[in-house]
mmCIF file of all heavy atoms, coordinates in Angstrom:
data_MODEL
# 
_entry.id   MODEL 
# 
loop_
_atom_site.group_PDB 
_atom_site.id 
_atom_site.type_symbol 
_atom_site.label_atom_id 
_atom_site.label_alt_id 
_atom_site.label_comp_id 
_atom_site.label_asym_id 
_atom_site.label_entity_id 
_atom_site.label_seq_id 
_atom_site.pdbx_PDB_ins_code 
_atom_site.Cartn_x 
_atom_site.Cartn_y 
_atom_site.Cartn_z 
_atom_site.occupancy 
_atom_site.B_iso_or_equiv 
_atom_site.pdbx_formal_charge 
_atom_site.auth_seq_id 
_atom_site.auth_comp_id 
_atom_site.auth_asym_id 
_atom_site.auth_atom_id 
_atom_site.pdbx_PDB_model_num 
ATOM 1   N N   . THR A 1 1  ? 72.144 46.804 -46.584 1.00 0.00 ? 1  THR A N   1 
ATOM 2   C CA  . THR A 1 1  ? 72.394 45.448 -46.088 1.00 0.00 ? 1  THR A CA  1 
ATOM 3   C C   . THR A 1 1  ? 71.108 44.673 -45.837 1.00 0.00 ? 1  THR A C   1 
ATOM 4   O O   . THR A 1 1  ? 71.048 43.464 -46.070 1.00 0.00 ? 1  THR A O   1 
ATOM 5   C CB  . THR A 1 1  ? 73.223 45.490 -44.794 1.00 0.00 ? 1  THR A CB  1 
ATOM 6   O OG1 . THR A 1 1  ? 72.534 46.302 -43.823 1.00 0.00 ? 1  THR A OG1 1 
ATOM 7   C CG2 . THR A 1 1  ? 74.595 46.065 -45.056 1.00 0.00 ? 1  THR A CG2 1 
ATOM 8   N N   . ALA A 1 2  ? 70.052 45.373 -45.383 1.00 0.00 ? 2  ALA A N   1 
ATOM 9   C CA  . ALA A 1 2  ? 68.807 44.686 -45.018 1.00 0.00 ? 2  ALA A CA  1 
ATOM 10  C C   . ALA A 1 2  ? 67.816 44.593 -46.167 1.00 0.00 ? 2  ALA A C   1 
ATOM 11  O O   . ALA A 1 2  ? 66.816 43.891 -46.068 1.00 0.00 ? 2  ALA A O   1 
ATOM 12  C CB  . ALA A 1 2  ? 68.142 45.405 -43.845 1.00 0.00 ? 2  ALA A CB  1 
ATOM 13  N N   . ARG A 1 3  ? 68.096 45.312 -47.258 1.00 0.00 ? 3  ARG A N   1 
ATOM 14  C CA  . ARG A 1 3  ? 67.145 45.395 -48.380 1.00 0.00 ? 3  ARG A CA  1 
ATOM 15  C C   . ARG A 1 3  ? 65.772 45.852 -47.867 1.00 0.00 ? 3  ARG A C   1 
ATOM 16  O O   . ARG A 1 3  ? 64.717 45.352 -48.273 1.00 0.00 ? 3  ARG A O   1 
ATOM 17  C CB  . ARG A 1 3  ? 67.035 44.040 -49.091 1.00 0.00 ? 3  ARG A CB  1 
ATOM 18  C CG  . ARG A 1 3  ? 66.524 44.113 -50.522 1.00 0.00 ? 3  ARG A CG  1 
ATOM 19  C CD  . ARG A 1 3  ? 66.395 42.744 -51.168 1.00 0.00 ? 3  ARG A CD  1 
ATOM 20  N NE  . ARG A 1 3  ? 65.921 42.846 -52.524 1.00 0.00 ? 3  ARG A NE  1 
ATOM 21  C CZ  . ARG A 1 3  ? 66.659 42.672 -53.613 1.00 0.00 ? 3  ARG A CZ  1 
ATOM 22  N NH1 . ARG A 1 3  ? 67.933 42.366 -53.485 1.00 0.00 ? 3  ARG A NH1 1 
ATOM 23  N NH2 . ARG A 1 3  ? 66.135 42.791 -54.816 1.00 0.00 ? 3  ARG A NH2 1 
ATOM 24  N N   . GLY A 1 4  ? 65.811 46.792 -46.950 1.00 0.00 ? 4  GLY A N   1 
ATOM 25  C CA  . GLY A 1 4  ? 64.595 47.295 -46.334 1.00 0.00 ? 4  GLY A CA  1 
ATOM 26  C C   . GLY A 1 4  ? 64.942 48.120 -45.113 1.00 0.00 ? 4  GLY A C   1 
ATOM 27  O O   . GLY A 1 4  ? 66.050 48.664 -45.014 1.00 0.00 ? 4  GLY A O   1 
ATOM 28  N N   . PRO A 1 5  ? 64.037 48.235 -44.155 1.00 0.00 ? 5  PRO A N   1 
ATOM 29  C CA  . PRO A 1 5  ? 64.283 49.025 -42.947 1.00 0.00 ? 5  PRO A CA  1 
ATOM 30  C C   . PRO A 1 5  ? 65.493 48.508 -42.176 1.00 0.00 ? 5  PRO A C   1 
ATOM 31  O O   . PRO A 1 5  ? 65.850 47.319 -42.272 1.00 0.00 ? 5  PRO A O   1 
ATOM 32  C CB  . PRO A 1 5  ? 62.992 48.850 -42.139 1.00 0.00 ? 5  PRO A CB  1 
ATOM 33  C CG  . PRO A 1 5  ? 61.950 48.527 -43.161 1.00 0.00 ? 5  PRO A CG  1 
ATOM 34  C CD  . PRO A 1 5  ? 62.658 47.716 -44.204 1.00 0.00 ? 5  PRO A CD  1 
ATOM 35  N N   . PRO A 1 6  ? 66.134 49.369 -41.378 1.00 0.00 ? 6  PRO A N   1 
ATOM 36  C CA  . PRO A 1 6  ? 67.288 48.946 -40.591 1.00 0.00 ? 6  PRO A CA  1 
ATOM 37  C C   . PRO A 1 6  ? 66.970 47.730 -39.718 1.00 0.00 ? 6  PRO A C   1 
ATOM 38  O O   . PRO A 1 6  ? 65.868 47.646 -39.152 1.00 0.00 ? 6  PRO A O   1 
ATOM 39  C CB  . PRO A 1 6  ? 67.589 50.187 -39.725 1.00 0.00 ? 6  PRO A CB  1 
ATOM 40  C CG  . PRO A 1 6  ? 67.082 51.328 -40.544 1.00 0.00 ? 6  PRO A CG  1 
ATOM 41  C CD  . PRO A 1 6  ? 65.854 50.812 -41.233 1.00 0.00 ? 6  PRO A CD  1 
ATOM 42  N N   . PRO A 1 7  ? 67.891 46.796 -39.584 1.00 0.00 ? 7  PRO A N   1 
ATOM 43  C CA  . PRO A 1 7  ? 67.627 45.587 -38.790 1.00 0.00 ? 7  PRO A CA  1 
ATOM 44  C C   . PRO A 1 7  ? 67.181 45.875 -37.368 1.00 0.00 ? 7  PRO A C   1 
ATOM 45  O O   . PRO A 1 7  ? 66.321 45.161 -36.832 1.00 0.00 ? 7  PRO A O   1 
ATOM 46  C CB  . PRO A 1 7  ? 68.974 44.867 -38.819 1.00 0.00 ? 7  PRO A CB  1 
ATOM 47  C CG  . PRO A 1 7  ? 69.626 45.316 -40.089 1.00 0.00 ? 7  PRO A CG  1 
ATOM 48  C CD  . PRO A 1 7  ? 69.202 46.744 -40.260 1.00 0.00 ? 7  PRO A CD  1 
ATOM 49  N N   . VAL A 1 8  ? 67.732 46.915 -36.732 1.00 0.00 ? 8  VAL A N   1 
ATOM 50  C CA  . VAL A 1 8  ? 67.342 47.192 -35.354 1.00 0.00 ? 8  VAL A CA  1 
ATOM 51  C C   . VAL A 1 8  ? 65.894 47.684 -35.276 1.00 0.00 ? 8  VAL A C   1 
ATOM 52  O O   . VAL A 1 8  ? 65.202 47.450 -34.280 1.00 0.00 ? 8  VAL A O   1 
ATOM 53  C CB  . VAL A 1 8  ? 68.316 48.209 -34.718 1.00 0.00 ? 8  VAL A CB  1 
ATOM 54  C CG1 . VAL A 1 8  ? 68.085 49.621 -35.230 1.00 0.00 ? 8  VAL A CG1 1 
ATOM 55  C CG2 . VAL A 1 8  ? 68.236 48.165 -33.205 1.00 0.00 ? 8  VAL A CG2 1 
ATOM 56  N N   . VAL A 1 9  ? 65.414 48.346 -36.325 1.00 0.00 ? 9  VAL A N   1 
ATOM 57  C CA  . VAL A 1 9  ? 64.011 48.768 -36.375 1.00 0.00 ? 9  VAL A CA  1 
ATOM 58  C C   . VAL A 1 9  ? 63.103 47.550 -36.543 1.00 0.00 ? 9  VAL A C   1 
ATOM 59  O O   . VAL A 1 9  ? 62.065 47.424 -35.888 1.00 0.00 ? 9  VAL A O   1 
ATOM 60  C CB  . VAL A 1 9  ? 63.785 49.774 -37.521 1.00 0.00 ? 9  VAL A CB  1 
ATOM 61  C CG1 . VAL A 1 9  ? 62.303 50.037 -37.748 1.00 0.00 ? 9  VAL A CG1 1 
ATOM 62  C CG2 . VAL A 1 9  ? 64.513 51.086 -37.225 1.00 0.00 ? 9  VAL A CG2 1 
ATOM 63  N N   . GLU A 1 10 ? 63.508 46.624 -37.405 1.00 0.00 ? 10 GLU A N   1 
ATOM 64  C CA  . GLU A 1 10 ? 62.722 45.404 -37.587 1.00 0.00 ? 10 GLU A CA  1 
ATOM 65  C C   . GLU A 1 10 ? 62.730 44.548 -36.326 1.00 0.00 ? 10 GLU A C   1 
ATOM 66  O O   . GLU A 1 10 ? 61.735 43.897 -36.007 1.00 0.00 ? 10 GLU A O   1 
ATOM 67  C CB  . GLU A 1 10 ? 63.281 44.603 -38.765 1.00 0.00 ? 10 GLU A CB  1 
ATOM 68  C CG  . GLU A 1 10 ? 63.082 45.286 -40.110 1.00 0.00 ? 10 GLU A CG  1 
ATOM 69  C CD  . GLU A 1 10 ? 61.614 45.415 -40.477 1.00 0.00 ? 10 GLU A CD  1 
ATOM 70  O OE1 . GLU A 1 10 ? 60.970 46.385 -40.022 1.00 0.00 ? 10 GLU A OE1 1 
ATOM 71  O OE2 . GLU A 1 10 ? 61.107 44.561 -41.214 1.00 0.00 ? 10 GLU A OE2 1 
ATOM 72  N N   . ARG A 1 11 ? 63.841 44.558 -35.585 1.00 0.00 ? 11 ARG A N   1 
ATOM 73  C CA  . ARG A 1 11 ? 63.896 43.801 -34.340 1.00 0.00 ? 11 ARG A CA  1 
ATOM 74  C C   . ARG A 1 11 ? 62.956 44.411 -33.299 1.00 0.00 ? 11 ARG A C   1 
ATOM 75  O O   . ARG A 1 11 ? 62.256 43.693 -32.579 1.00 0.00 ? 11 ARG A O   1 
ATOM 76  C CB  . ARG A 1 11 ? 65.325 43.779 -33.803 1.00 0.00 ? 11 ARG A CB  1 
ATOM 77  C CG  . ARG A 1 11 ? 65.530 42.817 -32.628 1.00 0.00 ? 11 ARG A CG  1 
ATOM 78  C CD  . ARG A 1 11 ? 66.994 42.785 -32.231 1.00 0.00 ? 11 ARG A CD  1 
ATOM 79  N NE  . ARG A 1 11 ? 67.851 42.430 -33.356 1.00 0.00 ? 11 ARG A NE  1 
ATOM 80  C CZ  . ARG A 1 11 ? 69.175 42.535 -33.344 1.00 0.00 ? 11 ARG A CZ  1 
ATOM 81  N NH1 . ARG A 1 11 ? 69.797 42.990 -32.269 1.00 0.00 ? 11 ARG A NH1 1 
ATOM 82  N NH2 . ARG A 1 11 ? 69.887 42.187 -34.399 1.00 0.00 ? 11 ARG A NH2 1 
ATOM 83  N N   . ALA A 1 12 ? 62.925 45.728 -33.214 1.00 0.00 ? 12 ALA A N   1 
ATOM 84  C CA  . ALA A 1 12 ? 61.997 46.394 -32.294 1.00 0.00 ? 12 ALA A CA  1 
ATOM 85  C C   . ALA A 1 12 ? 60.552 46.107 -32.686 1.00 0.00 ? 12 ALA A C   1 
ATOM 86  O O   . ALA A 1 12 ? 59.695 45.886 -31.825 1.00 0.00 ? 12 ALA A O   1 
ATOM 87  C CB  . ALA A 1 12 ? 62.265 47.904 -32.287 1.00 0.00 ? 12 ALA A CB  1 
ATOM 88  N N   . ASP A 1 13 ? 60.294 46.100 -33.991 1.00 0.00 ? 13 ASP A N   1 
ATOM 89  C CA  . ASP A 1 13 ? 58.958 45.776 -34.485 1.00 0.00 ? 13 ASP A CA  1 
ATOM 90  C C   . ASP A 1 13 ? 58.556 44.368 -34.056 1.00 0.00 ? 13 ASP A C   1 
ATOM 91  O O   . ASP A 1 13 ? 57.418 44.135 -33.612 1.00 0.00 ? 13 ASP A O   1 
ATOM 92  C CB  . ASP A 1 13 ? 58.937 45.899 -36.006 1.00 0.00 ? 13 ASP A CB  1 
ATOM 93  C CG  . ASP A 1 13 ? 57.605 45.491 -36.610 1.00 0.00 ? 13 ASP A CG  1 
ATOM 94  O OD1 . ASP A 1 13 ? 57.420 44.290 -36.895 1.00 0.00 ? 13 ASP A OD1 1 
ATOM 95  O OD2 . ASP A 1 13 ? 56.752 46.372 -36.816 1.00 0.00 ? 13 ASP A OD2 1 
ATOM 96  N N   . ALA A 1 14 ? 59.473 43.418 -34.149 1.00 0.00 ? 14 ALA A N   1 
ATOM 97  C CA  . ALA A 1 14 ? 59.165 42.041 -33.760 1.00 0.00 ? 14 ALA A CA  1 
ATOM 98  C C   . ALA A 1 14 ? 58.925 41.925 -32.263 1.00 0.00 ? 14 ALA A C   1 
ATOM 99  O O   . ALA A 1 14 ? 58.053 41.164 -31.819 1.00 0.00 ? 14 ALA A O   1 
ATOM 100 C CB  . ALA A 1 14 ? 60.314 41.122 -34.194 1.00 0.00 ? 14 ALA A CB  1 
ATOM 101 N N   . LEU A 1 15 ? 59.680 42.685 -31.451 1.00 0.00 ? 15 LEU A N   1 
ATOM 102 C CA  . LEU A 1 15 ? 59.503 42.633 -30.008 1.00 0.00 ? 15 LEU A CA  1 
ATOM 103 C C   . LEU A 1 15 ? 58.181 43.252 -29.578 1.00 0.00 ? 15 LEU A C   1 
ATOM 104 O O   . LEU A 1 15 ? 57.525 42.758 -28.652 1.00 0.00 ? 15 LEU A O   1 
ATOM 105 C CB  . LEU A 1 15 ? 60.653 43.371 -29.318 1.00 0.00 ? 15 LEU A CB  1 
ATOM 106 C CG  . LEU A 1 15 ? 62.040 42.724 -29.375 1.00 0.00 ? 15 LEU A CG  1 
ATOM 107 C CD1 . LEU A 1 15 ? 63.088 43.673 -28.807 1.00 0.00 ? 15 LEU A CD1 1 
ATOM 108 C CD2 . LEU A 1 15 ? 62.044 41.402 -28.604 1.00 0.00 ? 15 LEU A CD2 1 
ATOM 109 N N   . ALA A 1 16 ? 57.787 44.338 -30.236 1.00 0.00 ? 16 ALA A N   1 
ATOM 110 C CA  . ALA A 1 16 ? 56.589 45.077 -29.809 1.00 0.00 ? 16 ALA A CA  1 
ATOM 111 C C   . ALA A 1 16 ? 55.307 44.552 -30.426 1.00 0.00 ? 16 ALA A C   1 
ATOM 112 O O   . ALA A 1 16 ? 54.213 44.811 -29.908 1.00 0.00 ? 16 ALA A O   1 
ATOM 113 C CB  . ALA A 1 16 ? 56.755 46.556 -30.171 1.00 0.00 ? 16 ALA A CB  1 
ATOM 114 N N   . ARG A 1 17 ? 55.422 43.792 -31.526 1.00 0.00 ? 17 ARG A N   1 
ATOM 115 C CA  . ARG A 1 17 ? 54.226 43.365 -32.244 1.00 0.00 ? 17 ARG A CA  1 
ATOM 116 C C   . ARG A 1 17 ? 53.350 42.456 -31.370 1.00 0.00 ? 17 ARG A C   1 
ATOM 117 O O   . ARG A 1 17 ? 53.842 41.555 -30.688 1.00 0.00 ? 17 ARG A O   1 
ATOM 118 C CB  . ARG A 1 17 ? 54.617 42.634 -33.520 1.00 0.00 ? 17 ARG A CB  1 
ATOM 119 C CG  . ARG A 1 17 ? 53.431 42.244 -34.399 1.00 0.00 ? 17 ARG A CG  1 
ATOM 120 C CD  . ARG A 1 17 ? 53.884 41.435 -35.598 1.00 0.00 ? 17 ARG A CD  1 
ATOM 121 N NE  . ARG A 1 17 ? 54.906 42.154 -36.361 1.00 0.00 ? 17 ARG A NE  1 
ATOM 122 C CZ  . ARG A 1 17 ? 56.102 41.671 -36.626 1.00 0.00 ? 17 ARG A CZ  1 
ATOM 123 N NH1 . ARG A 1 17 ? 56.453 40.469 -36.184 1.00 0.00 ? 17 ARG A NH1 1 
ATOM 124 N NH2 . ARG A 1 17 ? 56.962 42.379 -37.330 1.00 0.00 ? 17 ARG A NH2 1 
ATOM 125 N N   . ILE A 1 18 ? 52.058 42.707 -31.400 1.00 0.00 ? 18 ILE A N   1 
ATOM 126 C CA  . ILE A 1 18 ? 51.072 41.831 -30.755 1.00 0.00 ? 18 ILE A CA  1 
ATOM 127 C C   . ILE A 1 18 ? 50.463 40.982 -31.853 1.00 0.00 ? 18 ILE A C   1 
ATOM 128 O O   . ILE A 1 18 ? 49.766 41.492 -32.728 1.00 0.00 ? 18 ILE A O   1 
ATOM 129 C CB  . ILE A 1 18 ? 49.987 42.635 -30.010 1.00 0.00 ? 18 ILE A CB  1 
ATOM 130 C CG1 . ILE A 1 18 ? 50.638 43.577 -28.978 1.00 0.00 ? 18 ILE A CG1 1 
ATOM 131 C CG2 . ILE A 1 18 ? 49.004 41.706 -29.317 1.00 0.00 ? 18 ILE A CG2 1 
ATOM 132 C CD1 . ILE A 1 18 ? 49.648 44.494 -28.282 1.00 0.00 ? 18 ILE A CD1 1 
ATOM 133 N N   . GLY A 1 19 ? 50.746 39.685 -31.842 1.00 0.00 ? 19 GLY A N   1 
ATOM 134 C CA  . GLY A 1 19 ? 50.329 38.800 -32.913 1.00 0.00 ? 19 GLY A CA  1 
ATOM 135 C C   . GLY A 1 19 ? 48.831 38.575 -32.966 1.00 0.00 ? 19 GLY A C   1 
ATOM 136 O O   . GLY A 1 19 ? 48.088 38.915 -32.037 1.00 0.00 ? 19 GLY A O   1 
ATOM 137 N N   . VAL A 1 20 ? 48.378 37.974 -34.052 1.00 0.00 ? 20 VAL A N   1 
ATOM 138 C CA  . VAL A 1 20 ? 46.952 37.735 -34.260 1.00 0.00 ? 20 VAL A CA  1 
ATOM 139 C C   . VAL A 1 20 ? 46.367 36.893 -33.137 1.00 0.00 ? 20 VAL A C   1 
ATOM 140 O O   . VAL A 1 20 ? 45.304 37.208 -32.574 1.00 0.00 ? 20 VAL A O   1 
ATOM 141 C CB  . VAL A 1 20 ? 46.722 37.057 -35.629 1.00 0.00 ? 20 VAL A CB  1 
ATOM 142 C CG1 . VAL A 1 20 ? 45.274 36.603 -35.765 1.00 0.00 ? 20 VAL A CG1 1 
ATOM 143 C CG2 . VAL A 1 20 ? 47.082 38.013 -36.760 1.00 0.00 ? 20 VAL A CG2 1 
ATOM 144 N N   . ASP A 1 21 ? 47.029 35.804 -32.793 1.00 0.00 ? 21 ASP A N   1 
ATOM 145 C CA  . ASP A 1 21 ? 46.523 34.940 -31.725 1.00 0.00 ? 21 ASP A CA  1 
ATOM 146 C C   . ASP A 1 21 ? 46.522 35.664 -30.385 1.00 0.00 ? 21 ASP A C   1 
ATOM 147 O O   . ASP A 1 21 ? 45.593 35.492 -29.580 1.00 0.00 ? 21 ASP A O   1 
ATOM 148 C CB  . ASP A 1 21 ? 47.371 33.671 -31.631 1.00 0.00 ? 21 ASP A CB  1 
ATOM 149 C CG  . ASP A 1 21 ? 47.208 32.767 -32.847 1.00 0.00 ? 21 ASP A CG  1 
ATOM 150 O OD1 . ASP A 1 21 ? 46.197 32.926 -33.568 1.00 0.00 ? 21 ASP A OD1 1 
ATOM 151 O OD2 . ASP A 1 21 ? 48.095 31.931 -33.085 1.00 0.00 ? 21 ASP A OD2 1 
ATOM 152 N N   . GLU A 1 22 ? 47.555 36.487 -30.137 1.00 0.00 ? 22 GLU A N   1 
ATOM 153 C CA  . GLU A 1 22 ? 47.615 37.238 -28.886 1.00 0.00 ? 22 GLU A CA  1 
ATOM 154 C C   . GLU A 1 22 ? 46.500 38.269 -28.808 1.00 0.00 ? 22 GLU A C   1 
ATOM 155 O O   . GLU A 1 22 ? 45.909 38.484 -27.748 1.00 0.00 ? 22 GLU A O   1 
ATOM 156 C CB  . GLU A 1 22 ? 48.987 37.908 -28.761 1.00 0.00 ? 22 GLU A CB  1 
ATOM 157 C CG  . GLU A 1 22 ? 50.140 36.927 -28.613 1.00 0.00 ? 22 GLU A CG  1 
ATOM 158 C CD  . GLU A 1 22 ? 51.479 37.606 -28.781 1.00 0.00 ? 22 GLU A CD  1 
ATOM 159 O OE1 . GLU A 1 22 ? 51.589 38.478 -29.687 1.00 0.00 ? 22 GLU A OE1 1 
ATOM 160 O OE2 . GLU A 1 22 ? 52.406 37.281 -28.033 1.00 0.00 ? 22 GLU A OE2 1 
ATOM 161 N N   . LYS A 1 23 ? 46.210 38.928 -29.944 1.00 0.00 ? 23 LYS A N   1 
ATOM 162 C CA  . LYS A 1 23 ? 45.113 39.897 -29.959 1.00 0.00 ? 23 LYS A CA  1 
ATOM 163 C C   . LYS A 1 23 ? 43.787 39.224 -29.628 1.00 0.00 ? 23 LYS A C   1 
ATOM 164 O O   . LYS A 1 23 ? 42.988 39.748 -28.831 1.00 0.00 ? 23 LYS A O   1 
ATOM 165 C CB  . LYS A 1 23 ? 45.022 40.574 -31.332 1.00 0.00 ? 23 LYS A CB  1 
ATOM 166 C CG  . LYS A 1 23 ? 46.177 41.512 -31.645 1.00 0.00 ? 23 LYS A CG  1 
ATOM 167 C CD  . LYS A 1 23 ? 46.031 42.113 -33.028 1.00 0.00 ? 23 LYS A CD  1 
ATOM 168 C CE  . LYS A 1 23 ? 47.199 43.028 -33.367 1.00 0.00 ? 23 LYS A CE  1 
ATOM 169 N NZ  . LYS A 1 23 ? 47.069 43.619 -34.706 1.00 0.00 ? 23 LYS A NZ  1 
ATOM 170 N N   . ALA A 1 24 ? 43.543 38.076 -30.235 1.00 0.00 ? 24 ALA A N   1 
ATOM 171 C CA  . ALA A 1 24 ? 42.294 37.355 -29.968 1.00 0.00 ? 24 ALA A CA  1 
ATOM 172 C C   . ALA A 1 24 ? 42.215 36.935 -28.509 1.00 0.00 ? 24 ALA A C   1 
ATOM 173 O O   . ALA A 1 24 ? 41.156 37.048 -27.873 1.00 0.00 ? 24 ALA A O   1 
ATOM 174 C CB  . ALA A 1 24 ? 42.189 36.136 -30.883 1.00 0.00 ? 24 ALA A CB  1 
ATOM 175 N N   . ALA A 1 25 ? 43.323 36.460 -27.947 1.00 0.00 ? 25 ALA A N   1 
ATOM 176 C CA  . ALA A 1 25 ? 43.338 36.044 -26.547 1.00 0.00 ? 25 ALA A CA  1 
ATOM 177 C C   . ALA A 1 25 ? 43.093 37.226 -25.616 1.00 0.00 ? 25 ALA A C   1 
ATOM 178 O O   . ALA A 1 25 ? 42.350 37.105 -24.621 1.00 0.00 ? 25 ALA A O   1 
ATOM 179 C CB  . ALA A 1 25 ? 44.671 35.369 -26.217 1.00 0.00 ? 25 ALA A CB  1 
# 
């Protein structure tokens, strides 16, 4: 269905990810 990793895994990835701007800050 997701044509990739399970949606709940991608959602966890989005919640935990520290973005580029956040890393710089």
